[in-house]
Amino acid sequence: MRGNAFEAKVKADGGTELMRLLSERLGGQSPPPAPGEVLVPDLSAAGPEGRTARTALALREATEARAWALLDHPLLALEVAGSPAYLEPDAVVVRPDGRWTVVEIKSFPMIDGSADAAKVGAAARQAAVYVLALERVALHTAGAEVADRVLLVCPKDFSNLPAASVVDVRKQLSVTRRQLARLTRIEDIAAGLPEGTTFDLDHCSGEELTAAVESVPAAYAPECLSACELAFHCRHRARAEGAVEALGRGVRGELGGLTTVGAVLAAAHGGAGDPADPTVLALRRAAALRAEALAAAGASRAATGGGGEGEAVEAVGEAVGEAVGEVAHGSVAGSAGEAVTCR
């Protein structure tokens, strides 16, 4: 694959080219290390726990030696909801001053010094997780400091030559810390399950495994379809329960305290909901516009003897577009001409 070939080229000859890029972008006035001055420790070990321990040892030894070191695909551990998650960055560079820098090597191009913003953002979020994992190792290493700026290496323009850019991940670090702190711990989730629940594939029948999966609450969002093999199961449950999460997190956020499709429809048609709630007002205004459009479409069909489908569709489209625009911009025109702003 192109990505693997490019990564191998960047790390070739003991990481000579990588060190040049690092010194050029983050080294200030310091020259890059000469070939042969960079330590490349062997990180092989048995199992993820062994590789994690070997990585921590290599980081400590390089820091104590005050030498340049390149850790190729180290394995780090980060506690997520009370369970260890193992992470493997492309590389970590240890500088003589004890600073550790995460290196992300990507195959998307850097054209005229800039790359696709969405891809760079995803790389920054990924690197921030690696920085958090490194910080836990640095706490037990004297003189170590983890840099909050990472080195992103990509192909230059349309060639296979490497180019580098520095990415500040402080914002991503703070967001990730908050997200990790808010996660429900696995022990707390397990405590709420029925006694004897297990997900052991080797000792469960199909019926027992289905019952075990059903006992865990489903938290579905459409993006789960691209990342989780149980997404179809959770989507089915979300639809059966009428959960608005099935329509997307954006819709869920706009609807506030209305958590089911039934509650949304009831609020839109005046059967439920607080009339002072801006979300309820927006829904009722949208429902009124839809009713007006459908009535206009019906009148158009009657006047043309069943024809006029084009005009009817256009009328409905205009009304729905108006309603969506008002809801999206957070303001709804009231019956007295007053504006109510959604919060």
Protein backbone atom coordinates (compact mmCIF):
# COMPACT_ATOMS: atom_id res chain seq x y z
CA MET A 1 0.00 0.00 0.00
CA ARG A 2 1.06 3.58 -0.70
CA GLY A 3 0.75 4.59 2.94
CA ASN A 4 3.01 1.80 4.19
CA ALA A 5 5.60 2.49 1.49
CA PHE A 6 5.62 6.20 2.34
CA GLU A 7 5.98 5.51 6.07
CA ALA A 8 8.87 3.13 5.43
CA LYS A 9 10.59 5.80 3.35
CA VAL A 10 10.21 8.42 6.09
CA LYS A 11 11.71 6.07 8.69
CA ALA A 12 14.47 4.64 6.50
CA ASP A 13 18.15 4.81 7.52
CA GLY A 14 17.39 5.02 11.21
CA GLY A 15 14.92 7.84 10.74
CA THR A 16 17.43 10.25 9.19
CA GLU A 17 14.82 12.07 7.08
CA LEU A 18 12.32 12.12 9.94
CA MET A 19 14.86 13.67 12.29
CA ARG A 20 15.69 16.29 9.67
CA LEU A 21 12.02 17.23 9.38
CA LEU A 22 11.62 17.31 13.16
CA SER A 23 14.66 19.56 13.64
CA GLU A 24 13.51 21.80 10.81
CA ARG A 25 10.06 22.29 12.30
CA LEU A 26 10.60 21.96 16.05
CA GLY A 27 14.33 22.09 16.62
CA GLY A 28 14.83 25.84 16.56
CA GLN A 29 18.52 26.51 15.91
CA SER A 30 19.64 23.02 16.89
CA PRO A 31 21.05 20.92 14.03
CA PRO A 32 19.54 17.50 13.34
CA PRO A 33 21.34 14.51 14.84
CA ALA A 34 23.98 12.89 12.69
CA PRO A 35 23.30 9.44 11.22
CA GLY A 36 24.04 6.82 13.86
CA GLU A 37 23.34 9.16 16.80
CA VAL A 38 19.69 8.19 17.02
CA LEU A 39 18.79 5.23 19.22
CA VAL A 40 16.20 2.90 17.71
CA PRO A 41 15.30 0.49 20.53
CA ASP A 42 13.76 -2.91 19.93
CA LEU A 43 10.19 -2.78 21.20
CA SER A 44 9.20 -6.38 20.55
CA ALA A 45 7.68 -8.32 23.45
CA ALA A 46 5.01 -10.93 24.12
CA GLY A 47 1.43 -9.65 24.23
CA PRO A 48 0.13 -6.10 24.54
CA GLU A 49 1.07 -5.83 28.21
CA GLY A 50 4.64 -6.85 27.41
CA ARG A 51 4.91 -4.41 24.52
CA THR A 52 3.49 -1.60 26.65
CA ALA A 53 6.01 -2.28 29.42
CA ARG A 54 8.86 -2.48 26.88
CA THR A 55 7.83 0.87 25.39
CA ALA A 56 7.75 2.53 28.82
CA LEU A 57 11.19 1.13 29.61
CA ALA A 58 12.62 2.37 26.29
CA LEU A 59 11.20 5.85 26.92
CA ARG A 60 12.73 5.98 30.38
CA GLU A 61 16.13 4.72 29.19
CA ALA A 62 16.28 7.24 26.33
CA THR A 63 15.29 10.10 28.63
CA GLU A 64 17.89 9.15 31.23
CA ALA A 65 20.58 8.85 28.53
CA ARG A 66 19.79 12.37 27.27
CA ALA A 67 20.00 11.09 23.72
CA TRP A 68 17.97 11.19 20.53
CA ALA A 69 15.73 8.15 20.20
CA LEU A 70 13.15 7.01 17.67
CA LEU A 71 10.49 4.60 18.86
CA ASP A 72 8.96 2.93 15.82
CA HIS A 73 5.36 1.87 16.44
CA PRO A 74 5.49 1.87 20.25
CA LEU A 75 2.52 0.49 22.14
CA LEU A 76 0.84 2.70 24.74
CA ALA A 77 -2.02 2.08 27.14
CA LEU A 78 -4.78 4.51 28.06
CA GLU A 79 -7.54 3.84 30.55
CA VAL A 80 -10.95 4.30 28.94
CA ALA A 81 -13.97 3.88 31.21
CA GLY A 82 -11.91 1.74 33.58
CA SER A 83 -10.50 -0.59 30.94
CA PRO A 84 -7.10 -0.36 29.20
CA ALA A 85 -7.11 0.59 25.52
CA TYR A 86 -3.91 -0.11 23.59
CA LEU A 87 -2.70 2.51 21.14
CA GLU A 88 0.04 2.35 18.52
CA PRO A 89 1.29 5.70 17.16
CA ASP A 90 3.43 5.75 14.03
CA ALA A 91 6.45 7.02 15.97
CA VAL A 92 7.56 8.85 19.09
CA VAL A 93 10.78 10.87 19.14
CA VAL A 94 12.71 11.45 22.36
CA ARG A 95 14.94 14.53 22.35
CA PRO A 96 18.07 15.04 24.48
CA ASP A 97 16.22 17.62 26.59
CA GLY A 98 13.71 14.94 27.65
CA ARG A 99 10.83 16.10 25.44
CA TRP A 100 8.71 13.42 23.77
CA THR A 101 7.05 14.25 20.45
CA VAL A 102 4.35 12.24 18.71
CA VAL A 103 4.81 11.77 14.96
CA GLU A 104 1.83 11.04 12.70
CA ILE A 105 2.61 9.86 9.16
CA LYS A 106 -0.28 10.11 6.72
CA SER A 107 -0.62 9.33 3.02
CA PHE A 108 -2.82 12.29 2.07
CA PRO A 109 -0.85 15.03 0.27
CA MET A 110 0.30 18.39 1.58
CA ILE A 111 -0.12 20.70 -1.40
CA ASP A 112 1.62 24.08 -1.27
CA GLY A 113 2.16 23.64 2.44
CA SER A 114 -1.44 22.84 3.37
CA ALA A 115 -3.54 19.67 3.53
CA ASP A 116 -7.22 18.79 3.68
CA ALA A 117 -8.60 20.43 6.83
CA ALA A 118 -10.91 17.55 7.73
CA LYS A 119 -8.10 15.01 7.45
CA VAL A 120 -5.72 17.17 9.44
CA GLY A 121 -8.37 17.56 12.13
CA ALA A 122 -8.86 13.80 12.34
CA ALA A 123 -5.09 13.32 12.59
CA ALA A 124 -4.93 15.92 15.37
CA ARG A 125 -7.64 14.15 17.37
CA GLN A 126 -5.87 10.83 16.90
CA ALA A 127 -2.51 12.29 17.97
CA ALA A 128 -4.08 13.91 21.04
CA VAL A 129 -5.07 10.48 22.34
CA TYR A 130 -1.46 9.32 21.93
CA VAL A 131 -0.25 12.39 23.83
CA LEU A 132 -2.60 11.58 26.71
CA ALA A 133 -1.28 8.03 26.86
CA LEU A 134 2.32 9.29 26.84
CA GLU A 135 1.57 11.70 29.68
CA ARG A 136 0.76 8.76 31.93
CA VAL A 137 4.19 7.26 31.24
CA ALA A 138 5.91 10.63 31.68
CA LEU A 139 4.45 10.93 35.20
CA HIS A 140 6.76 8.09 36.24
CA THR A 141 9.81 9.28 34.29
CA ALA A 142 12.09 11.92 35.78
CA GLY A 143 12.89 14.77 33.42
CA ALA A 144 10.32 13.78 30.80
CA GLU A 145 7.90 16.19 29.15
CA VAL A 146 5.32 15.39 26.48
CA ALA A 147 5.00 18.03 23.77
CA ASP A 148 1.51 19.35 23.05
CA ARG A 149 2.53 19.94 19.44
CA VAL A 150 2.83 16.94 17.15
CA LEU A 151 4.64 16.47 13.84
CA LEU A 152 2.42 15.61 10.88
CA VAL A 153 4.32 14.13 7.93
CA CYS A 154 2.65 13.84 4.52
CA PRO A 155 3.72 13.49 0.88
CA LYS A 156 4.73 16.83 -0.62
CA ASP A 157 2.45 18.01 -3.43
CA PHE A 158 2.00 15.09 -5.85
CA SER A 159 5.31 13.39 -5.15
CA ASN A 160 6.44 10.77 -2.67
CA LEU A 161 8.81 13.17 -0.92
CA PRO A 162 7.98 13.83 2.74
CA ALA A 163 6.91 17.23 4.03
CA ALA A 164 6.11 18.08 7.64
CA SER A 165 3.91 20.47 9.54
CA VAL A 166 3.49 21.16 13.25
CA VAL A 167 -0.03 20.69 14.65
CA ASP A 168 -1.03 22.18 18.00
CA VAL A 169 -3.29 19.66 19.76
CA ARG A 170 -4.03 21.53 23.00
CA LYS A 171 -7.68 22.01 22.08
CA GLN A 172 -8.07 18.33 21.17
CA LEU A 173 -6.38 17.35 24.44
CA SER A 174 -8.84 19.33 26.56
CA VAL A 175 -11.83 17.96 24.63
CA THR A 176 -10.59 14.36 24.92
CA ARG A 177 -9.92 14.74 28.65
CA ARG A 178 -13.48 15.95 29.20
CA GLN A 179 -14.92 13.13 27.13
CA LEU A 180 -12.91 10.48 28.98
CA ALA A 181 -13.90 11.92 32.35
CA ARG A 182 -17.61 11.76 31.42
CA LEU A 183 -17.58 8.13 30.31
CA THR A 184 -19.46 5.65 32.47
CA ARG A 185 -17.04 3.12 33.89
CA ILE A 186 -17.35 -0.48 32.75
CA GLU A 187 -17.79 -1.66 36.35
CA ASP A 188 -20.82 0.62 36.74
CA ILE A 189 -22.36 -0.69 33.53
CA ALA A 190 -21.69 -4.29 34.56
CA ALA A 191 -23.22 -3.70 37.99
CA GLY A 192 -26.56 -2.88 36.35
CA LEU A 193 -26.71 -6.11 34.33
CA PRO A 194 -28.62 -9.20 35.46
CA GLU A 195 -26.66 -11.70 37.54
CA GLY A 196 -24.76 -14.19 35.39
CA THR A 197 -24.77 -12.10 32.20
CA THR A 198 -21.85 -13.04 29.97
CA PHE A 199 -20.71 -12.35 26.43
CA ASP A 200 -18.40 -15.35 26.20
CA LEU A 201 -18.84 -16.67 22.65
CA ASP A 202 -17.36 -20.05 23.54
CA HIS A 203 -19.78 -20.82 26.36
CA CYS A 204 -23.00 -19.06 25.25
CA SER A 205 -25.77 -20.35 23.04
CA GLY A 206 -27.28 -18.03 20.44
CA GLU A 207 -30.31 -17.40 22.64
CA GLU A 208 -28.17 -16.63 25.71
CA LEU A 209 -25.95 -14.27 23.76
CA THR A 210 -28.97 -12.47 22.29
CA ALA A 211 -30.46 -12.05 25.77
CA ALA A 212 -27.14 -10.71 27.07
CA VAL A 213 -26.91 -8.13 24.27
CA GLU A 214 -30.55 -7.12 24.82
CA SER A 215 -29.82 -6.46 28.49
CA VAL A 216 -27.41 -3.62 27.62
CA PRO A 217 -29.01 -0.24 26.76
CA ALA A 218 -28.46 0.79 23.13
CA ALA A 219 -26.95 4.20 22.40
CA TYR A 220 -27.34 4.54 18.65
CA ALA A 221 -26.30 7.25 16.20
CA PRO A 222 -26.13 6.93 12.39
CA GLU A 223 -22.33 7.18 12.41
CA CYS A 224 -22.22 3.93 14.40
CA LEU A 225 -22.92 2.08 11.12
CA SER A 226 -19.37 2.73 9.94
CA ALA A 227 -17.62 1.71 13.15
CA CYS A 228 -19.57 -0.91 15.13
CA GLU A 229 -20.72 -4.39 14.17
CA LEU A 230 -23.68 -4.11 16.54
CA ALA A 231 -24.94 -0.90 14.90
CA PHE A 232 -27.82 -2.62 13.09
CA HIS A 233 -29.00 -4.17 16.35
CA CYS A 234 -28.92 -0.81 18.14
CA ARG A 235 -30.60 0.94 15.21
CA HIS A 236 -33.44 -1.58 15.28
CA ARG A 237 -33.94 -0.98 19.01
CA ALA A 238 -33.77 2.80 18.60
CA ARG A 239 -36.39 2.71 15.87
CA ALA A 240 -38.62 0.37 17.85
CA GLU A 241 -38.46 2.74 20.83
CA GLY A 242 -39.03 5.80 18.61
CA ALA A 243 -35.78 7.39 19.80
CA VAL A 244 -34.88 10.59 17.98
CA GLU A 245 -31.20 9.58 18.12
CA ALA A 246 -31.94 7.40 15.09
CA LEU A 247 -32.28 10.62 13.08
CA GLY A 248 -28.81 11.84 14.05
CA ARG A 249 -27.10 13.67 16.90
CA GLY A 250 -27.77 17.03 15.26
CA VAL A 251 -31.51 16.43 15.30
CA ARG A 252 -31.30 15.13 18.86
CA GLY A 253 -29.53 18.28 19.98
CA GLU A 254 -32.09 20.57 18.32
CA LEU A 255 -35.06 18.82 19.96
CA GLY A 256 -33.95 19.38 23.54
CA GLY A 257 -36.15 17.49 25.99
CA LEU A 258 -38.20 15.76 23.29
CA THR A 259 -36.59 12.34 23.18
CA THR A 260 -39.03 10.27 21.11
CA VAL A 261 -40.59 10.68 17.69
CA GLY A 262 -44.04 10.36 19.29
CA ALA A 263 -43.31 13.23 21.66
CA VAL A 264 -42.08 15.37 18.75
CA LEU A 265 -45.23 14.74 16.71
CA ALA A 266 -47.46 15.37 19.73
CA ALA A 267 -45.70 18.66 20.39
CA ALA A 268 -45.95 19.66 16.74
CA HIS A 269 -49.72 19.07 16.66
CA GLY A 270 -50.45 20.73 19.99
CA GLY A 271 -51.14 17.57 21.96
CA ALA A 272 -48.21 17.97 24.34
CA GLY A 273 -45.26 20.19 25.12
CA ASP A 274 -44.72 23.50 26.84
CA PRO A 275 -46.05 26.33 24.62
CA ALA A 276 -43.27 28.57 25.95
CA ASP A 277 -40.56 26.16 24.81
CA PRO A 278 -38.84 27.58 21.68
CA THR A 279 -38.43 24.06 20.28
CA VAL A 280 -42.16 23.35 20.63
CA LEU A 281 -42.96 26.70 19.02
CA ALA A 282 -40.67 25.88 16.09
CA LEU A 283 -42.28 22.47 15.61
CA ARG A 284 -45.82 23.90 15.69
CA ARG A 285 -44.91 26.61 13.22
CA ALA A 286 -43.39 23.97 10.91
CA ALA A 287 -46.53 21.81 11.23
CA ALA A 288 -48.74 24.81 10.44
CA LEU A 289 -46.70 25.64 7.34
CA ARG A 290 -46.92 22.03 6.21
CA ALA A 291 -50.70 22.00 6.67
CA GLU A 292 -51.02 25.24 4.70
CA ALA A 293 -48.89 23.81 1.89
CA LEU A 294 -50.89 20.60 1.71
CA ALA A 295 -54.15 22.57 1.69
CA ALA A 296 -52.83 24.75 -1.13
CA ALA A 297 -51.75 21.64 -3.03
CA GLY A 298 -55.21 20.10 -2.61
CA ALA A 299 -56.91 23.26 -3.82
CA SER A 300 -54.60 23.37 -6.84
CA ARG A 301 -55.44 19.79 -7.78
CA ALA A 302 -59.19 20.45 -7.40
CA ALA A 303 -59.02 23.57 -9.58
CA THR A 304 -57.17 21.74 -12.36
CA GLY A 305 -59.24 18.59 -12.22
CA GLY A 306 -56.52 16.47 -10.66
CA GLY A 307 -53.57 18.04 -12.47
CA GLY A 308 -51.14 20.66 -11.26
CA GLU A 309 -48.86 18.17 -9.52
CA GLY A 310 -45.87 20.34 -10.31
CA GLU A 311 -47.38 23.40 -8.65
CA ALA A 312 -48.44 21.29 -5.65
CA VAL A 313 -44.97 19.85 -5.19
CA GLU A 314 -43.45 23.32 -5.52
CA ALA A 315 -45.84 24.72 -2.90
CA VAL A 316 -45.04 21.94 -0.45
CA GLY A 317 -41.31 22.35 -1.08
CA GLU A 318 -41.44 26.09 -0.45
CA ALA A 319 -43.39 25.66 2.78
CA VAL A 320 -41.12 22.92 4.10
CA GLY A 321 -38.05 24.93 3.10
CA GLU A 322 -39.38 27.93 4.97
CA ALA A 323 -40.06 25.85 8.07
CA VAL A 324 -36.66 24.18 8.00
CA GLY A 325 -34.94 27.51 7.51
CA GLU A 326 -36.71 29.03 10.48
CA VAL A 327 -35.94 26.08 12.74
CA ALA A 328 -32.30 25.93 11.61
CA HIS A 329 -31.75 29.61 12.30
CA GLY A 330 -33.30 29.28 15.73
CA SER A 331 -36.12 31.80 15.37
CA VAL A 332 -39.82 31.37 14.72
CA ALA A 333 -42.28 34.08 13.78
CA GLY A 334 -45.15 34.08 16.25
CA SER A 335 -48.78 34.75 15.43
CA ALA A 336 -48.47 38.34 16.65
CA GLY A 337 -45.34 38.90 14.54
CA GLU A 338 -42.96 38.51 17.45
CA ALA A 339 -39.71 36.55 17.11
CA VAL A 340 -38.90 33.78 19.55
CA THR A 341 -35.24 32.79 19.65
CA CYS A 342 -34.36 29.13 20.26
CA ARG A 343 -31.63 28.50 22.79
